[in-house]
N, C-alpha and C. Protein backbone atom coordinates (compact mmCIF):
# COMPACT_ATOMS: atom_id res chain seq x y z
N UNK A 1 55.73 174.97 63.50
CA UNK A 1 55.83 174.47 64.37
C UNK A 1 55.66 174.43 65.56
N UNK A 2 54.46 175.23 66.11
CA UNK A 2 54.30 175.03 67.52
C UNK A 2 53.43 173.53 67.54
N UNK A 3 52.31 173.41 66.33
CA UNK A 3 51.76 172.32 66.27
C UNK A 3 52.55 170.85 66.50
N UNK A 4 53.35 170.73 65.81
CA UNK A 4 54.55 169.68 65.66
C UNK A 4 54.96 169.50 67.16
N UNK A 5 55.55 170.58 67.73
CA UNK A 5 56.33 170.36 69.44
C UNK A 5 55.22 169.85 70.29
N UNK A 6 53.83 170.13 69.96
CA UNK A 6 52.47 170.19 70.93
C UNK A 6 51.80 168.28 70.85
N UNK A 7 52.23 167.72 69.57
CA UNK A 7 51.98 166.79 68.92
C UNK A 7 53.33 165.70 69.61
N UNK A 8 54.81 166.12 69.81
CA UNK A 8 55.57 165.34 70.22
C UNK A 8 55.38 165.43 71.54
N UNK A 9 54.95 166.51 72.78
CA UNK A 9 54.72 166.55 73.66
C UNK A 9 53.58 165.68 74.04
N UNK A 10 52.94 165.39 73.58
CA UNK A 10 51.21 164.92 73.72
C UNK A 10 51.89 163.24 73.56
N UNK A 11 52.91 162.67 72.52
CA UNK A 11 53.51 161.60 72.11
C UNK A 11 54.48 161.25 73.59
N UNK A 12 55.48 162.08 73.95
CA UNK A 12 56.01 161.56 74.93
C UNK A 12 55.19 161.80 76.64
N UNK A 13 54.21 162.31 76.54
CA UNK A 13 53.25 162.27 77.77
C UNK A 13 52.61 160.98 77.85
N UNK A 14 52.01 160.58 76.65
CA UNK A 14 51.12 159.29 76.59
C UNK A 14 52.18 158.06 77.12
N UNK A 15 53.46 157.87 76.10
CA UNK A 15 54.47 156.91 76.65
C UNK A 15 54.97 157.13 77.56
N UNK A 16 55.30 158.31 78.64
CA UNK A 16 55.64 158.33 80.02
C UNK A 16 54.45 157.50 81.14
N UNK A 17 53.13 157.79 80.11
CA UNK A 17 52.10 157.42 81.02
C UNK A 17 51.66 155.87 81.10
N UNK A 18 51.98 155.27 80.07
CA UNK A 18 51.85 153.94 79.85
C UNK A 18 52.98 152.95 80.28
N UNK A 19 54.07 153.94 80.34
CA UNK A 19 55.03 153.15 81.35
C UNK A 19 55.26 153.38 82.50
N UNK A 20 54.09 154.05 83.06
CA UNK A 20 54.19 154.46 84.40
C UNK A 20 55.33 154.82 85.24
N UNK A 21 55.65 155.78 84.95
CA UNK A 21 56.82 156.69 85.38
C UNK A 21 56.17 157.89 86.15
N UNK A 22 56.54 157.74 87.47
CA UNK A 22 56.35 159.06 88.42
C UNK A 22 56.18 160.21 87.77
N UNK A 23 55.34 161.38 87.92
CA UNK A 23 55.26 162.49 87.43
C UNK A 23 56.63 163.62 88.36
N UNK A 24 56.63 162.49 89.48
CA UNK A 24 57.90 163.51 90.33
C UNK A 24 59.20 163.33 89.49
N UNK A 25 59.52 162.06 88.89
CA UNK A 25 60.14 161.87 88.36
C UNK A 25 60.61 162.75 87.05
N UNK A 26 59.46 162.62 86.45
CA UNK A 26 59.44 163.76 85.22
C UNK A 26 59.87 164.95 85.71
N UNK A 27 59.12 165.58 86.55
CA UNK A 27 59.08 166.90 86.57
C UNK A 27 60.80 167.20 87.39
N UNK A 28 61.05 166.31 88.17
CA UNK A 28 62.75 166.39 89.09
C UNK A 28 63.78 166.85 87.45
N UNK A 29 63.60 165.81 86.68
CA UNK A 29 64.66 165.28 85.41
C UNK A 29 64.43 166.97 84.71
N UNK A 30 63.22 167.31 84.41
CA UNK A 30 62.83 168.69 83.52
C UNK A 30 63.51 169.69 84.16
N UNK A 31 63.09 169.95 85.44
CA UNK A 31 63.79 171.17 86.42
C UNK A 31 65.28 170.75 86.34
N UNK A 32 66.08 169.80 86.07
CA UNK A 32 67.39 169.71 86.29
C UNK A 32 68.00 170.04 84.62
N UNK A 33 67.05 169.50 83.42
CA UNK A 33 67.62 170.07 82.33
C UNK A 33 67.22 171.47 82.02
N UNK A 34 66.18 172.20 82.43
CA UNK A 34 65.90 173.43 82.42
C UNK A 34 67.40 174.15 83.17
N UNK A 35 67.78 173.75 84.27
CA UNK A 35 68.90 174.46 85.03
C UNK A 35 70.06 174.59 84.26
N UNK A 36 70.21 173.32 83.80
CA UNK A 36 71.46 173.23 82.73
C UNK A 36 71.96 174.02 81.50
N UNK A 37 70.25 174.28 81.11
CA UNK A 37 70.21 175.28 79.56
C UNK A 37 70.53 176.06 80.24
N UNK A 38 69.87 176.64 81.00
CA UNK A 38 69.86 178.36 81.47
C UNK A 38 71.52 178.78 81.87
N UNK A 39 72.47 177.57 82.48
CA UNK A 39 73.64 177.87 82.96
C UNK A 39 74.31 177.77 82.12
N UNK A 40 74.22 176.92 80.80
CA UNK A 40 74.90 176.69 79.37
C UNK A 40 74.82 177.68 78.92
N UNK A 41 73.91 178.43 78.53
CA UNK A 41 73.35 179.80 77.69
C UNK A 41 74.35 180.94 78.68
N UNK A 42 74.29 181.06 79.94
CA UNK A 42 75.33 182.02 80.46
C UNK A 42 76.53 181.81 80.37
N UNK A 43 76.96 180.51 80.43
CA UNK A 43 78.62 180.34 80.22
C UNK A 43 79.05 180.64 78.74
N UNK A 44 78.22 180.10 78.12
CA UNK A 44 78.20 180.09 76.72
C UNK A 44 78.34 181.24 75.58
N UNK A 45 77.48 182.31 76.25
CA UNK A 45 77.19 183.07 75.42
C UNK A 45 78.35 183.69 74.48
N UNK A 46 79.64 184.08 75.25
CA UNK A 46 80.46 184.72 74.30
C UNK A 46 80.86 183.63 72.90
N UNK A 47 81.10 182.31 73.65
CA UNK A 47 81.22 181.04 72.71
C UNK A 47 80.68 180.85 71.55
N UNK A 48 79.17 181.24 71.74
CA UNK A 48 78.46 180.36 70.57
C UNK A 48 78.47 181.48 69.57
N UNK A 49 79.08 182.49 69.58
CA UNK A 49 79.30 183.42 68.02
C UNK A 49 80.19 182.91 67.23
N UNK A 50 81.16 182.13 67.92
CA UNK A 50 82.64 181.64 67.63
C UNK A 50 82.27 180.38 66.84
N UNK A 51 81.40 179.67 67.99
CA UNK A 51 81.06 178.28 67.36
C UNK A 51 80.24 178.19 66.15
N UNK A 52 79.29 179.19 66.28
CA UNK A 52 78.46 179.44 64.84
C UNK A 52 79.35 179.63 63.48
N UNK A 53 80.29 180.28 63.96
CA UNK A 53 81.24 180.86 62.77
C UNK A 53 82.00 179.49 61.99
N UNK A 54 82.61 179.06 63.32
CA UNK A 54 83.09 177.71 62.87
C UNK A 54 82.25 176.39 62.33
N UNK A 55 81.06 176.48 62.46
CA UNK A 55 79.96 175.55 61.92
C UNK A 55 79.91 176.00 60.64
N UNK A 56 79.62 176.92 60.49
CA UNK A 56 79.36 177.80 59.12
C UNK A 56 80.42 177.67 58.07
N UNK A 57 81.74 177.64 58.28
CA UNK A 57 82.91 177.74 57.95
C UNK A 57 82.95 175.82 57.21
N UNK A 58 82.73 175.52 58.16
CA UNK A 58 82.42 173.58 57.97
C UNK A 58 81.48 173.44 56.71
N UNK A 59 80.50 173.80 57.24
CA UNK A 59 79.01 173.78 55.93
C UNK A 59 80.17 173.87 54.55
N UNK A 60 80.56 175.19 54.68
CA UNK A 60 81.05 175.96 53.47
C UNK A 60 81.92 174.99 52.79
N UNK A 61 82.91 174.16 53.37
CA UNK A 61 83.95 173.58 53.11
C UNK A 61 83.80 172.16 52.87
N UNK A 62 82.26 171.47 53.41
CA UNK A 62 81.93 170.36 53.08
C UNK A 62 81.29 170.42 51.55
N UNK A 63 80.41 171.56 51.41
CA UNK A 63 79.87 171.76 50.41
C UNK A 63 81.02 172.37 49.02
N UNK A 64 82.00 172.80 49.44
CA UNK A 64 83.05 173.28 48.25
C UNK A 64 83.60 171.54 47.72
N UNK A 65 83.91 170.99 48.95
CA UNK A 65 84.74 169.66 48.61
C UNK A 65 83.44 168.74 47.86
N UNK A 66 82.60 168.96 47.88
CA UNK A 66 81.31 167.88 47.50
C UNK A 66 81.22 168.79 45.69
N UNK A 67 80.91 169.91 45.83
CA UNK A 67 80.98 170.66 44.43
C UNK A 67 82.21 170.00 43.18
N UNK A 68 83.40 170.14 44.06
CA UNK A 68 84.75 169.91 43.62
C UNK A 68 84.79 168.26 42.95
N UNK A 69 84.15 167.55 43.82
CA UNK A 69 83.99 165.92 43.42
C UNK A 69 83.18 166.00 42.48
N UNK A 70 82.22 166.55 42.15
CA UNK A 70 81.10 166.53 41.00
C UNK A 70 81.73 167.16 39.82
N UNK A 71 82.46 167.65 39.84
CA UNK A 71 82.90 168.57 38.43
C UNK A 71 84.25 168.09 38.26
N UNK A 72 84.50 167.12 38.92
CA UNK A 72 86.20 166.62 38.53
C UNK A 72 85.90 165.25 37.85
């Protein structure tokens, strides 16, 4: 997984280099993105468990529906 992430980061870095995007712009965007992610984790820590359960139940319902469709 880490190799894939490194290759992806390399591709994005090369793309930004070819587009002549300033390193300051990239750094600012990444800093804001990191702050938003930390804030989201702190705010949603309690909600994430509920969202995970809801997502799991949704997948179970979709799977059951597909199974029923194929059996009938």
